[in-house]
Amino acid sequence: MALTTLATRVLGPAIMSRFSVTPVLEGFLNALSSSVIVAIVATVVAQGGWREAAAVALAAGVMLAARSAVWAMLAGATCAALWRVALG
């Protein structure tokens, strides 16, 4: 995984220097980062249980309402922690 990360960081700029950045390419690259985050979160929810699903749902709701990633992460982590304390 470390080698893959290093390769993408080194080769990414080298490859992108050969392409002109068009609005379509820029939109694709912006969406790509979001899709990676969604894939990571979906994997955690799929492997977890109701606690993880509730924490992610609460974090998403807070993110939509407050437009703050910090508050969303805090709400999700607090939900998971309180669930564990209360229900094990």
PDB file of N, CA and C in Angstrom:
ATOM      1  N   MET A   1       0.830  -1.182   0.000  1.00  0.00           N
ATOM      2  CA  MET A   1       0.000   0.000   0.000  1.00  0.00           C
ATOM      3  C   MET A   1       0.881   1.253   0.000  1.00  0.00           C
ATOM      4  N   ALA A   2       1.967   1.197   0.767  1.00  0.00           N
ATOM      5  CA  ALA A   2       2.874   2.347   0.812  1.00  0.00           C
ATOM      6  C   ALA A   2       3.500   2.597  -0.556  1.00  0.00           C
ATOM      7  N   LEU A   3       3.867   1.520  -1.247  1.00  0.00           N
ATOM      8  CA  LEU A   3       4.456   1.686  -2.583  1.00  0.00           C
ATOM      9  C   LEU A   3       3.441   2.242  -3.578  1.00  0.00           C
ATOM     10  N   THR A   4       2.210   1.819  -3.460  1.00  0.00           N
ATOM     11  CA  THR A   4       1.171   2.341  -4.345  1.00  0.00           C
ATOM     12  C   THR A   4       0.944   3.824  -4.091  1.00  0.00           C
ATOM     13  N   THR A   5       0.902   4.204  -2.820  1.00  0.00           N
ATOM     14  CA  THR A   5       0.733   5.617  -2.476  1.00  0.00           C
ATOM     15  C   THR A   5       1.890   6.441  -3.005  1.00  0.00           C
ATOM     16  N   LEU A   6       3.102   5.957  -2.806  1.00  0.00           N
ATOM     17  CA  LEU A   6       4.286   6.663  -3.307  1.00  0.00           C
ATOM     18  C   LEU A   6       4.234   6.779  -4.828  1.00  0.00           C
ATOM     19  N   ALA A   7       3.883   5.691  -5.508  1.00  0.00           N
ATOM     20  CA  ALA A   7       3.832   5.711  -6.968  1.00  0.00           C
ATOM     21  C   ALA A   7       2.809   6.718  -7.477  1.00  0.00           C
ATOM     22  N   THR A   8       1.636   6.776  -6.846  1.00  0.00           N
ATOM     23  CA  THR A   8       0.624   7.723  -7.311  1.00  0.00           C
ATOM     24  C   THR A   8       1.051   9.162  -7.058  1.00  0.00           C
ATOM     25  N   ARG A   9       1.754   9.383  -5.961  1.00  0.00           N
ATOM     26  CA  ARG A   9       2.200  10.748  -5.677  1.00  0.00           C
ATOM     27  C   ARG A   9       3.334  11.183  -6.602  1.00  0.00           C
ATOM     28  N   VAL A  10       4.179  10.247  -6.987  1.00  0.00           N
ATOM     29  CA  VAL A  10       5.299  10.584  -7.866  1.00  0.00           C
ATOM     30  C   VAL A  10       4.848  10.610  -9.328  1.00  0.00           C
ATOM     31  N   LEU A  11       4.103   9.595  -9.736  1.00  0.00           N
ATOM     32  CA  LEU A  11       3.707   9.487 -11.136  1.00  0.00           C
ATOM     33  C   LEU A  11       2.517  10.360 -11.498  1.00  0.00           C
ATOM     34  N   GLY A  12       1.670  10.686 -10.534  1.00  0.00           N
ATOM     35  CA  GLY A  12       0.501  11.514 -10.824  1.00  0.00           C
ATOM     36  C   GLY A  12       0.845  12.832 -11.483  1.00  0.00           C
ATOM     37  N   PRO A  13       1.695  13.646 -10.871  1.00  0.00           N
ATOM     38  CA  PRO A  13       2.069  14.913 -11.519  1.00  0.00           C
ATOM     39  C   PRO A  13       2.796  14.715 -12.849  1.00  0.00           C
ATOM     40  N   ALA A  14       3.615  13.665 -12.952  1.00  0.00           N
ATOM     41  CA  ALA A  14       4.332  13.420 -14.205  1.00  0.00           C
ATOM     42  C   ALA A  14       3.353  13.093 -15.334  1.00  0.00           C
ATOM     43  N   ILE A  15       2.353  12.277 -15.028  1.00  0.00           N
ATOM     44  CA  ILE A  15       1.358  11.930 -16.050  1.00  0.00           C
ATOM     45  C   ILE A  15       0.478  13.130 -16.384  1.00  0.00           C
ATOM     46  N   MET A  16       0.040  13.862 -15.357  1.00  0.00           N
ATOM     47  CA  MET A  16      -0.847  15.004 -15.592  1.00  0.00           C
ATOM     48  C   MET A  16      -0.160  16.143 -16.335  1.00  0.00           C
ATOM     49  N   SER A  17       1.164  16.219 -16.284  1.00  0.00           N
ATOM     50  CA  SER A  17       1.872  17.272 -17.013  1.00  0.00           C
ATOM     51  C   SER A  17       1.758  17.066 -18.523  1.00  0.00           C
ATOM     52  N   ARG A  18       1.361  15.878 -18.963  1.00  0.00           N
ATOM     53  CA  ARG A  18       1.226  15.582 -20.389  1.00  0.00           C
ATOM     54  C   ARG A  18      -0.174  15.912 -20.925  1.00  0.00           C
ATOM     55  N   PHE A  19      -1.108  16.246 -20.049  1.00  0.00           N
ATOM     56  CA  PHE A  19      -2.482  16.535 -20.459  1.00  0.00           C
ATOM     57  C   PHE A  19      -2.810  17.986 -20.190  1.00  0.00           C
ATOM     58  N   SER A  20      -3.664  18.558 -21.051  1.00  0.00           N
ATOM     59  CA  SER A  20      -4.170  19.893 -20.760  1.00  0.00           C
ATOM     60  C   SER A  20      -5.417  19.725 -19.887  1.00  0.00           C
ATOM     61  N   VAL A  21      -5.535  20.561 -18.899  1.00  0.00           N
ATOM     62  CA  VAL A  21      -6.648  20.454 -17.958  1.00  0.00           C
ATOM     63  C   VAL A  21      -7.857  21.161 -18.556  1.00  0.00           C
ATOM     64  N   THR A  22      -8.835  20.369 -18.920  1.00  0.00           N
ATOM     65  CA  THR A  22     -10.087  20.898 -19.456  1.00  0.00           C
ATOM     66  C   THR A  22     -11.128  20.891 -18.335  1.00  0.00           C
ATOM     67  N   PRO A  23     -12.225  21.592 -18.508  1.00  0.00           N
ATOM     68  CA  PRO A  23     -13.277  21.554 -17.475  1.00  0.00           C
ATOM     69  C   PRO A  23     -13.792  20.135 -17.209  1.00  0.00           C
ATOM     70  N   VAL A  24     -13.861  19.306 -18.248  1.00  0.00           N
ATOM     71  CA  VAL A  24     -14.330  17.928 -18.068  1.00  0.00           C
ATOM     72  C   VAL A  24     -13.334  17.140 -17.222  1.00  0.00           C
ATOM     73  N   LEU A  25     -12.045  17.270 -17.524  1.00  0.00           N
ATOM     74  CA  LEU A  25     -11.012  16.571 -16.760  1.00  0.00           C
ATOM     75  C   LEU A  25     -10.978  17.072 -15.314  1.00  0.00           C
ATOM     76  N   GLU A  26     -11.093  18.358 -15.130  1.00  0.00           N
ATOM     77  CA  GLU A  26     -11.097  18.919 -13.778  1.00  0.00           C
ATOM     78  C   GLU A  26     -12.302  18.416 -12.979  1.00  0.00           C
ATOM     79  N   GLY A  27     -13.467  18.350 -13.614  1.00  0.00           N
ATOM     80  CA  GLY A  27     -14.649  17.816 -12.941  1.00  0.00           C
ATOM     81  C   GLY A  27     -14.475  16.354 -12.568  1.00  0.00           C
ATOM     82  N   PHE A  28     -13.868  15.573 -13.466  1.00  0.00           N
ATOM     83  CA  PHE A  28     -13.613  14.164 -13.185  1.00  0.00           C
ATOM     84  C   PHE A  28     -12.680  14.014 -11.992  1.00  0.00           C
ATOM     85  N   LEU A  29     -11.609  14.785 -11.958  1.00  0.00           N
ATOM     86  CA  LEU A  29     -10.652  14.685 -10.854  1.00  0.00           C
ATOM     87  C   LEU A  29     -11.273  15.126  -9.534  1.00  0.00           C
ATOM     88  N   ASN A  30     -12.126  16.134  -9.563  1.00  0.00           N
ATOM     89  CA  ASN A  30     -12.815  16.557  -8.341  1.00  0.00           C
ATOM     90  C   ASN A  30     -13.760  15.469  -7.842  1.00  0.00           C
ATOM     91  N   ALA A  31     -14.472  14.829  -8.743  1.00  0.00           N
ATOM     92  CA  ALA A  31     -15.399  13.761  -8.353  1.00  0.00           C
ATOM     93  C   ALA A  31     -14.649  12.516  -7.898  1.00  0.00           C
ATOM     94  N   LEU A  32     -13.466  12.299  -8.427  1.00  0.00           N
ATOM     95  CA  LEU A  32     -12.696  11.105  -8.082  1.00  0.00           C
ATOM     96  C   LEU A  32     -12.345  11.081  -6.599  1.00  0.00           C
ATOM     97  N   SER A  33     -11.927  12.211  -6.052  1.00  0.00           N
ATOM     98  CA  SER A  33     -11.580  12.242  -4.631  1.00  0.00           C
ATOM     99  C   SER A  33     -12.798  11.963  -3.761  1.00  0.00           C
ATOM    100  N   SER A  34     -13.943  12.479  -4.146  1.00  0.00           N
ATOM    101  CA  SER A  34     -15.165  12.209  -3.382  1.00  0.00           C
ATOM    102  C   SER A  34     -15.555  10.740  -3.461  1.00  0.00           C
ATOM    103  N   SER A  35     -15.377  10.141  -4.626  1.00  0.00           N
ATOM    104  CA  SER A  35     -15.765   8.737  -4.767  1.00  0.00           C
ATOM    105  C   SER A  35     -14.857   7.822  -3.955  1.00  0.00           C
ATOM    106  N   VAL A  36     -13.602   8.188  -3.798  1.00  0.00           N
ATOM    107  CA  VAL A  36     -12.695   7.393  -2.964  1.00  0.00           C
ATOM    108  C   VAL A  36     -13.138   7.456  -1.505  1.00  0.00           C
ATOM    109  N   ILE A  37     -13.497   8.635  -1.038  1.00  0.00           N
ATOM    110  CA  ILE A  37     -13.960   8.779   0.340  1.00  0.00           C
ATOM    111  C   ILE A  37     -15.255   7.993   0.551  1.00  0.00           C
ATOM    112  N   VAL A  38     -16.180   8.060  -0.399  1.00  0.00           N
ATOM    113  CA  VAL A  38     -17.430   7.309  -0.293  1.00  0.00           C
ATOM    114  C   VAL A  38     -17.148   5.810  -0.257  1.00  0.00           C
ATOM    115  N   ALA A  39     -16.206   5.340  -1.063  1.00  0.00           N
ATOM    116  CA  ALA A  39     -15.868   3.912  -1.074  1.00  0.00           C
ATOM    117  C   ALA A  39     -15.306   3.465   0.268  1.00  0.00           C
ATOM    118  N   ILE A  40     -14.471   4.290   0.879  1.00  0.00           N
ATOM    119  CA  ILE A  40     -13.899   3.950   2.184  1.00  0.00           C
ATOM    120  C   ILE A  40     -14.999   3.891   3.241  1.00  0.00           C
ATOM    121  N   VAL A  41     -15.867   4.891   3.259  1.00  0.00           N
ATOM    122  CA  VAL A  41     -16.958   4.927   4.238  1.00  0.00           C
ATOM    123  C   VAL A  41     -17.922   3.768   4.013  1.00  0.00           C
ATOM    124  N   ALA A  42     -18.244   3.474   2.757  1.00  0.00           N
ATOM    125  CA  ALA A  42     -19.159   2.369   2.459  1.00  0.00           C
ATOM    126  C   ALA A  42     -18.581   1.035   2.916  1.00  0.00           C
ATOM    127  N   THR A  43     -17.278   0.860   2.781  1.00  0.00           N
ATOM    128  CA  THR A  43     -16.634  -0.369   3.238  1.00  0.00           C
ATOM    129  C   THR A  43     -16.749  -0.509   4.744  1.00  0.00           C
ATOM    130  N   VAL A  44     -16.535   0.582   5.474  1.00  0.00           N
ATOM    131  CA  VAL A  44     -16.650   0.542   6.939  1.00  0.00           C
ATOM    132  C   VAL A  44     -18.074   0.200   7.345  1.00  0.00           C
ATOM    133  N   VAL A  45     -19.046   0.810   6.688  1.00  0.00           N
ATOM    134  CA  VAL A  45     -20.446   0.547   7.033  1.00  0.00           C
ATOM    135  C   VAL A  45     -20.811  -0.897   6.685  1.00  0.00           C
ATOM    136  N   ALA A  46     -20.355  -1.387   5.530  1.00  0.00           N
ATOM    137  CA  ALA A  46     -20.684  -2.755   5.117  1.00  0.00           C
ATOM    138  C   ALA A  46     -20.067  -3.792   6.046  1.00  0.00           C
ATOM    139  N   GLN A  47     -18.861  -3.531   6.538  1.00  0.00           N
ATOM    140  CA  GLN A  47     -18.190  -4.475   7.432  1.00  0.00           C
ATOM    141  C   GLN A  47     -18.645  -4.316   8.869  1.00  0.00           C
ATOM    142  N   GLY A  48     -19.175  -3.173   9.188  1.00  0.00           N
ATOM    143  CA  GLY A  48     -19.606  -2.905  10.554  1.00  0.00           C
ATOM    144  C   GLY A  48     -21.042  -3.327  10.766  1.00  0.00           C
ATOM    145  N   GLY A  49     -21.665  -2.651  11.682  1.00  0.00           N
ATOM    146  CA  GLY A  49     -23.046  -2.985  12.011  1.00  0.00           C
ATOM    147  C   GLY A  49     -23.878  -1.732  12.096  1.00  0.00           C
ATOM    148  N   TRP A  50     -24.891  -1.808  12.952  1.00  0.00           N
ATOM    149  CA  TRP A  50     -25.794  -0.675  13.115  1.00  0.00           C
ATOM    150  C   TRP A  50     -25.106   0.531  13.727  1.00  0.00           C
ATOM    151  N   ARG A  51     -24.122   0.299  14.604  1.00  0.00           N
ATOM    152  CA  ARG A  51     -23.414   1.420  15.239  1.00  0.00           C
ATOM    153  C   ARG A  51     -22.719   2.271  14.182  1.00  0.00           C
ATOM    154  N   GLU A  52     -22.000   1.622  13.279  1.00  0.00           N
ATOM    155  CA  GLU A  52     -21.292   2.365  12.243  1.00  0.00           C
ATOM    156  C   GLU A  52     -22.252   3.065  11.287  1.00  0.00           C
ATOM    157  N   ALA A  53     -23.343   2.365  10.961  1.00  0.00           N
ATOM    158  CA  ALA A  53     -24.333   2.971  10.067  1.00  0.00           C
ATOM    159  C   ALA A  53     -24.967   4.207  10.702  1.00  0.00           C
ATOM    160  N   ALA A  54     -25.286   4.114  11.985  1.00  0.00           N
ATOM    161  CA  ALA A  54     -25.881   5.263  12.682  1.00  0.00           C
ATOM    162  C   ALA A  54     -24.894   6.420  12.761  1.00  0.00           C
ATOM    163  N   ALA A  55     -23.629   6.114  13.041  1.00  0.00           N
ATOM    164  CA  ALA A  55     -22.613   7.167  13.140  1.00  0.00           C
ATOM    165  C   ALA A  55     -22.425   7.867  11.799  1.00  0.00           C
ATOM    166  N   VAL A  56     -22.383   7.098  10.716  1.00  0.00           N
ATOM    167  CA  VAL A  56     -22.217   7.696   9.386  1.00  0.00           C
ATOM    168  C   VAL A  56     -23.455   8.508   9.008  1.00  0.00           C
ATOM    169  N   ALA A  57     -24.645   7.989   9.310  1.00  0.00           N
ATOM    170  CA  ALA A  57     -25.874   8.724   8.997  1.00  0.00           C
ATOM    171  C   ALA A  57     -25.936  10.039   9.764  1.00  0.00           C
ATOM    172  N   LEU A  58     -25.573  10.001  11.042  1.00  0.00           N
ATOM    173  CA  LEU A  58     -25.575  11.233  11.827  1.00  0.00           C
ATOM    174  C   LEU A  58     -24.538  12.216  11.288  1.00  0.00           C
ATOM    175  N   ALA A  59     -23.359  11.721  10.965  1.00  0.00           N
ATOM    176  CA  ALA A  59     -22.315  12.599  10.423  1.00  0.00           C
ATOM    177  C   ALA A  59     -22.766  13.228   9.105  1.00  0.00           C
ATOM    178  N   ALA A  60     -23.423  12.457   8.259  1.00  0.00           N
ATOM    179  CA  ALA A  60     -23.924  13.001   6.994  1.00  0.00           C
ATOM    180  C   ALA A  60     -24.982  14.069   7.242  1.00  0.00           C
ATOM    181  N   GLY A  61     -25.865  13.807   8.187  1.00  0.00           N
ATOM    182  CA  GLY A  61     -26.888  14.800   8.514  1.00  0.00           C
ATOM    183  C   GLY A  61     -26.302  16.092   9.055  1.00  0.00           C
ATOM    184  N   VAL A  62     -25.324  15.963   9.934  1.00  0.00           N
ATOM    185  CA  VAL A  62     -24.670  17.160  10.482  1.00  0.00           C
ATOM    186  C   VAL A  62     -23.917  17.903   9.379  1.00  0.00           C
ATOM    187  N   MET A  63     -23.284  17.164   8.483  1.00  0.00           N
ATOM    188  CA  MET A  63     -22.555  17.802   7.382  1.00  0.00           C
ATOM    189  C   MET A  63     -23.508  18.596   6.492  1.00  0.00           C
ATOM    190  N   LEU A  64     -24.668  18.029   6.204  1.00  0.00           N
ATOM    191  CA  LEU A  64     -25.644  18.743   5.380  1.00  0.00           C
ATOM    192  C   LEU A  64     -26.211  19.963   6.086  1.00  0.00           C
ATOM    193  N   ALA A  65     -26.437  19.833   7.395  1.00  0.00           N
ATOM    194  CA  ALA A  65     -27.046  20.932   8.145  1.00  0.00           C
ATOM    195  C   ALA A  65     -26.044  22.030   8.479  1.00  0.00           C
ATOM    196  N   ALA A  66     -24.864  21.635   8.961  1.00  0.00           N
ATOM    197  CA  ALA A  66     -23.905  22.621   9.453  1.00  0.00           C
ATOM    198  C   ALA A  66     -22.853  23.019   8.421  1.00  0.00           C
ATOM    199  N   ARG A  67     -22.703  22.211   7.370  1.00  0.00           N
ATOM    200  CA  ARG A  67     -21.665  22.462   6.360  1.00  0.00           C
ATOM    201  C   ARG A  67     -20.275  22.549   6.986  1.00  0.00           C
ATOM    202  N   SER A  68     -20.037  21.680   7.958  1.00  0.00           N
ATOM    203  CA  SER A  68     -18.752  21.667   8.658  1.00  0.00           C
ATOM    204  C   SER A  68     -18.278  20.228   8.807  1.00  0.00           C
ATOM    205  N   ALA A  69     -17.152  19.912   8.179  1.00  0.00           N
ATOM    206  CA  ALA A  69     -16.604  18.561   8.276  1.00  0.00           C
ATOM    207  C   ALA A  69     -16.169  18.250   9.706  1.00  0.00           C
ATOM    208  N   VAL A  70     -15.674  19.248  10.412  1.00  0.00           N
ATOM    209  CA  VAL A  70     -15.221  19.035  11.786  1.00  0.00           C
ATOM    210  C   VAL A  70     -16.396  18.620  12.669  1.00  0.00           C
ATOM    211  N   TRP A  71     -17.508  19.356  12.591  1.00  0.00           N
ATOM    212  CA  TRP A  71     -18.676  19.024  13.408  1.00  0.00           C
ATOM    213  C   TRP A  71     -19.262  17.679  13.003  1.00  0.00           C
ATOM    214  N   ALA A  72     -19.227  17.379  11.706  1.00  0.00           N
ATOM    215  CA  ALA A  72     -19.742  16.095  11.233  1.00  0.00           C
ATOM    216  C   ALA A  72     -18.920  14.937  11.785  1.00  0.00           C
ATOM    217  N   MET A  73     -17.596  15.047  11.722  1.00  0.00           N
ATOM    218  CA  MET A  73     -16.737  13.984  12.252  1.00  0.00           C
ATOM    219  C   MET A  73     -16.903  13.849  13.755  1.00  0.00           C
ATOM    220  N   LEU A  74     -17.011  14.976  14.444  1.00  0.00           N
ATOM    221  CA  LEU A  74     -17.210  14.948  15.889  1.00  0.00           C
ATOM    222  C   LEU A  74     -18.540  14.277  16.245  1.00  0.00           C
ATOM    223  N   ALA A  75     -19.592  14.596  15.511  1.00  0.00           N
ATOM    224  CA  ALA A  75     -20.896  13.994  15.772  1.00  0.00           C
ATOM    225  C   ALA A  75     -20.864  12.491  15.514  1.00  0.00           C
ATOM    226  N   GLY A  76     -20.257  12.065  14.413  1.00  0.00           N
ATOM    227  CA  GLY A  76     -20.179  10.645  14.103  1.00  0.00           C
ATOM    228  C   GLY A  76     -19.368   9.868  15.126  1.00  0.00           C
ATOM    229  N   ALA A  77     -18.218  10.413  15.516  1.00  0.00           N
ATOM    230  CA  ALA A  77     -17.384   9.744  16.520  1.00  0.00           C
ATOM    231  C   ALA A  77     -18.075   9.683  17.869  1.00  0.00           C
ATOM    232  N   THR A  78     -18.764  10.762  18.233  1.00  0.00           N
ATOM    233  CA  THR A  78     -19.496  10.780  19.502  1.00  0.00           C
ATOM    234  C   THR A  78     -20.628   9.763  19.489  1.00  0.00           C
ATOM    235  N   CYS A  79     -21.331   9.675  18.382  1.00  0.00           N
ATOM    236  CA  CYS A  79     -22.414   8.701  18.264  1.00  0.00           C
ATOM    237  C   CYS A  79     -21.888   7.275  18.445  1.00  0.00           C
ATOM    238  N   ALA A  80     -20.803   6.955  17.766  1.00  0.00           N
ATOM    239  CA  ALA A  80     -20.230   5.609  17.868  1.00  0.00           C
ATOM    240  C   ALA A  80     -19.746   5.317  19.284  1.00  0.00           C
ATOM    241  N   ALA A  81     -19.114   6.313  19.909  1.00  0.00           N
ATOM    242  CA  ALA A  81     -18.595   6.116  21.267  1.00  0.00           C
ATOM    243  C   ALA A  81     -19.728   5.930  22.268  1.00  0.00           C
ATOM    244  N   LEU A  82     -20.748   6.768  22.195  1.00  0.00           N
ATOM    245  CA  LEU A  82     -21.871   6.653  23.117  1.00  0.00           C
ATOM    246  C   LEU A  82     -22.639   5.349  22.903  1.00  0.00           C
ATOM    247  N   TRP A  83     -22.770   4.940  21.662  1.00  0.00           N
ATOM    248  CA  TRP A  83     -23.425   3.657  21.369  1.00  0.00           C
ATOM    249  C   TRP A  83     -22.669   2.522  22.016  1.00  0.00           C
ATOM    250  N   ARG A  84     -21.343   2.570  21.891  1.00  0.00           N
ATOM    251  CA  ARG A  84     -20.518   1.487  22.490  1.00  0.00           C
ATOM    252  C   ARG A  84     -20.643   1.464  24.010  1.00  0.00           C
ATOM    253  N   VAL A  85     -20.642   2.647  24.626  1.00  0.00           N
ATOM    254  CA  VAL A  85     -20.767   2.727  26.081  1.00  0.00           C
ATOM    255  C   VAL A  85     -22.150   2.224  26.525  1.00  0.00           C
ATOM    256  N   ALA A  86     -23.179   2.657  25.806  1.00  0.00           N
ATOM    257  CA  ALA A  86     -24.541   2.318  26.225  1.00  0.00           C
ATOM    258  C   ALA A  86     -24.934   0.880  25.887  1.00  0.00           C
ATOM    259  N   LEU A  87     -24.528   0.409  24.718  1.00  0.00           N
ATOM    260  CA  LEU A  87     -25.007  -0.889  24.264  1.00  0.00           C
ATOM    261  C   LEU A  87     -23.915  -1.946  24.094  1.00  0.00           C
ATOM    262  N   GLY A  88     -22.684  -1.535  24.262  1.00  0.00           N
ATOM    263  CA  GLY A  88     -21.591  -2.509  24.163  1.00  0.00           C
ATOM    264  C   GLY A  88     -21.054  -2.761  22.839  1.00  0.00           C
TER     265      GLY A  88
END
